[in-house]
Amino acid sequence: MSNSYDVVVIGGGPGGYVAAIRAAQLGKKVACVEMYRHNGYGVENRPSLGGTCLNVGCIPSKVLLESSEHFDKKVLLESSEHFDKLSHLAHHGITIESASINIKKMIERKENISAQLTMGIEQLFKANNIDWIKGRGKLIAKDKVSVTDFDGNKTKLALLILMVMLQNTPRKMLF
């Protein structure tokens, strides 16, 4: 991996990974710096693209909400004759025999969906020849970024264009 890029994107969330992919599609040599480490159910410290949204925010909460809504439908229909129409709910962690929730199965489903999406981004990075640099990026000059990896090792990246895509809250620039 060379340390010189046309575009360096700091942040691998929804804004960052889309920007990195588009820059690569436009023929630029791209690196994306992402520091997120997923600590989900059964997973510890796995570096992950997708940021908060795909790992612990938007997507996982919507997956759990969907399963909960299916449970709510099940409770409402429990006294009716519609049990056969609800058999697809088992993969959501909802059993049909009685109204109950299998939290472990719901969490496993949420984690599997997040993992599928984040691994999909990794595949898109590979397909578009984007270097994923795992660590925290810091602008140290107008054309240089320093990246500190998870072990504390530092690497410097030379760049022509910097894109900073950090969550959805404003950040104070340090220059």
Protein backbone atom coordinates (compact mmCIF):
# COMPACT_ATOMS: atom_id res chain seq x y z
CA MET A 1 0.00 0.00 0.00
CA SER A 2 1.42 3.37 -1.04
CA ASN A 3 1.09 6.31 1.33
CA SER A 4 0.19 8.83 -1.37
CA TYR A 5 -3.42 9.37 -2.44
CA ASP A 6 -5.52 11.64 -4.61
CA VAL A 7 -8.30 11.58 -1.99
CA VAL A 8 -8.24 10.68 1.70
CA VAL A 9 -11.60 10.37 3.42
CA ILE A 10 -11.62 10.50 7.20
CA GLY A 11 -14.72 8.68 8.41
CA GLY A 12 -16.17 5.44 7.06
CA GLY A 13 -19.82 6.06 7.91
CA PRO A 14 -22.60 6.58 5.36
CA GLY A 15 -21.19 9.88 4.10
CA GLY A 16 -17.57 8.75 4.11
CA TYR A 17 -17.87 5.38 2.41
CA VAL A 18 -20.13 6.78 -0.31
CA ALA A 19 -17.68 9.64 -0.93
CA ALA A 20 -14.74 7.21 -1.08
CA ILE A 21 -16.50 4.90 -3.52
CA ARG A 22 -17.56 7.78 -5.77
CA ALA A 23 -14.06 9.27 -5.83
CA ALA A 24 -12.67 5.85 -6.81
CA GLN A 25 -15.29 5.52 -9.54
CA LEU A 26 -14.07 8.86 -10.89
CA GLY A 27 -10.59 7.40 -11.23
CA LYS A 28 -8.99 8.74 -8.06
CA LYS A 29 -6.62 6.78 -5.83
CA VAL A 30 -8.53 6.71 -2.54
CA ALA A 31 -7.94 5.83 1.11
CA CYS A 32 -10.61 5.84 3.79
CA VAL A 33 -9.53 6.21 7.42
CA GLU A 34 -11.96 4.74 9.94
CA MET A 35 -11.40 4.18 13.65
CA TYR A 36 -14.67 2.46 14.54
CA ARG A 37 -14.38 -0.86 16.36
CA HIS A 38 -17.56 -2.86 16.77
CA ASN A 39 -18.22 -4.43 20.15
CA GLY A 40 -21.54 -6.11 19.54
CA TYR A 41 -23.05 -9.33 20.73
CA GLY A 42 -20.38 -12.02 20.43
CA VAL A 43 -18.00 -9.61 18.66
CA GLU A 44 -15.19 -7.74 20.35
CA ASN A 45 -13.09 -4.97 18.85
CA ARG A 46 -13.73 -5.86 15.21
CA PRO A 47 -12.76 -2.94 12.97
CA SER A 48 -15.81 -2.01 10.98
CA LEU A 49 -16.91 0.36 8.25
CA GLY A 50 -20.35 1.94 8.31
CA GLY A 51 -19.86 4.12 11.38
CA THR A 52 -22.44 4.49 14.11
CA CYS A 53 -25.36 4.19 11.68
CA LEU A 54 -24.66 0.68 10.41
CA ASN A 55 -23.08 -0.72 13.55
CA VAL A 56 -25.10 0.50 16.55
CA GLY A 57 -27.44 3.28 15.44
CA CYS A 58 -29.94 3.59 12.64
CA ILE A 59 -29.88 0.11 11.12
CA PRO A 60 -29.63 -2.04 14.27
CA SER A 61 -32.33 -0.04 16.05
CA LYS A 62 -34.65 -0.40 13.04
CA VAL A 63 -34.01 -4.15 12.92
CA LEU A 64 -34.98 -4.49 16.59
CA LEU A 65 -37.98 -2.22 16.04
CA GLU A 66 -39.15 -4.38 13.13
CA SER A 67 -38.92 -7.54 15.24
CA SER A 68 -40.77 -5.80 18.08
CA GLU A 69 -43.53 -4.72 15.71
CA HIS A 70 -43.91 -8.32 14.56
CA PHE A 71 -44.24 -9.35 18.21
CA ASP A 72 -46.91 -6.69 18.72
CA LYS A 73 -48.82 -8.03 15.68
CA LYS A 74 -48.49 -11.55 17.09
CA VAL A 75 -49.99 -10.53 20.45
CA LEU A 76 -52.89 -8.77 18.72
CA LEU A 77 -53.62 -11.81 16.55
CA GLU A 78 -52.97 -14.46 19.22
CA SER A 79 -56.65 -15.03 19.90
CA SER A 80 -57.49 -15.23 16.20
CA GLU A 81 -57.07 -18.05 13.68
CA HIS A 82 -54.00 -16.53 11.96
CA PHE A 83 -51.17 -18.56 13.50
CA ASP A 84 -50.26 -20.18 10.17
CA LYS A 85 -49.73 -16.74 8.60
CA LEU A 86 -47.18 -15.86 11.30
CA SER A 87 -44.71 -18.74 10.90
CA HIS A 88 -42.18 -16.44 9.15
CA LEU A 89 -41.59 -14.66 12.47
CA ALA A 90 -39.33 -17.40 13.87
CA HIS A 91 -36.21 -15.85 12.32
CA HIS A 92 -37.08 -12.63 14.15
CA GLY A 93 -36.84 -14.50 17.46
CA ILE A 94 -40.61 -14.61 17.90
CA THR A 95 -42.19 -17.98 18.60
CA ILE A 96 -45.73 -18.78 17.57
CA GLU A 97 -46.82 -21.11 20.38
CA SER A 98 -47.34 -18.24 22.79
CA ALA A 99 -46.44 -14.61 22.91
CA SER A 100 -42.77 -14.59 23.90
CA ILE A 101 -39.58 -12.89 22.82
CA ASN A 102 -36.20 -14.57 22.41
CA ILE A 103 -33.94 -11.57 23.02
CA LYS A 104 -30.78 -13.53 22.22
CA LYS A 105 -32.13 -14.46 18.78
CA MET A 106 -33.30 -10.90 18.12
CA ILE A 107 -29.85 -9.54 18.98
CA GLU A 108 -28.15 -12.21 16.84
CA ARG A 109 -30.35 -11.21 13.89
CA LYS A 110 -29.52 -7.54 14.42
CA GLU A 111 -25.79 -8.32 14.56
CA ASN A 112 -25.98 -10.51 11.45
CA ILE A 113 -27.72 -7.79 9.44
CA SER A 114 -25.19 -5.16 10.56
CA ALA A 115 -22.32 -7.52 9.73
CA GLN A 116 -23.74 -8.24 6.25
CA LEU A 117 -24.01 -4.52 5.51
CA THR A 118 -20.56 -3.59 6.83
CA MET A 119 -18.93 -6.52 5.03
CA GLY A 120 -20.73 -5.38 1.89
CA ILE A 121 -18.99 -2.01 2.21
CA GLU A 122 -15.66 -3.81 2.62
CA GLN A 123 -16.35 -5.67 -0.64
CA LEU A 124 -17.23 -2.42 -2.40
CA PHE A 125 -13.92 -0.97 -1.18
CA LYS A 126 -12.04 -3.96 -2.58
CA ALA A 127 -13.92 -3.81 -5.88
CA ASN A 128 -13.08 -0.11 -6.23
CA ASN A 129 -9.45 -0.46 -5.04
CA ILE A 130 -9.99 1.74 -1.99
CA ASP A 131 -7.48 1.33 0.83
CA TRP A 132 -9.22 1.04 4.20
CA ILE A 133 -6.83 2.37 6.80
CA LYS A 134 -7.91 1.31 10.27
CA GLY A 135 -7.24 3.98 12.86
CA ARG A 136 -7.78 7.61 13.84
CA GLY A 137 -6.91 10.22 11.22
CA LYS A 138 -5.60 13.68 12.04
CA LEU A 139 -4.81 16.50 9.65
CA ILE A 140 -1.19 17.57 10.28
CA ALA A 141 -0.61 19.74 7.20
CA LYS A 142 -2.66 20.92 4.24
CA ASP A 143 -1.54 17.85 2.30
CA LYS A 144 -0.84 15.29 5.06
CA VAL A 145 -2.84 13.14 7.43
CA SER A 146 -1.40 11.19 10.33
CA VAL A 147 -3.15 7.92 11.17
CA THR A 148 -2.76 6.26 14.56
CA ASP A 149 -3.72 2.59 14.40
CA PHE A 150 -5.24 0.58 17.24
CA ASP A 151 -1.78 -0.37 18.55
CA GLY A 152 -0.59 3.24 18.65
CA ASN A 153 1.55 3.03 15.50
CA LYS A 154 1.52 6.14 13.30
CA THR A 155 1.49 6.37 9.51
CA LYS A 156 1.55 9.52 7.39
CA LEU A 157 -0.53 9.82 4.25
CA ALA A 158 0.10 12.37 1.51
CA LEU A 159 -3.00 13.66 -0.24
CA LEU A 160 -4.36 16.08 -2.78
CA ILE A 161 -7.95 16.26 -1.49
CA LEU A 162 -9.16 15.65 2.08
CA MET A 163 -12.77 14.86 2.88
CA VAL A 164 -13.76 14.84 6.54
CA MET A 165 -16.98 12.88 7.10
CA LEU A 166 -17.49 12.65 10.86
CA GLN A 167 -20.97 11.67 12.01
CA ASN A 168 -23.66 14.31 11.85
CA THR A 169 -22.36 16.79 14.41
CA PRO A 170 -20.22 19.79 13.55
CA ARG A 171 -16.56 19.52 14.49
CA LYS A 172 -14.15 22.34 15.21
CA MET A 173 -11.33 22.36 12.67
CA LEU A 174 -7.89 22.55 14.21
CA PHE A 175 -6.27 24.85 11.66
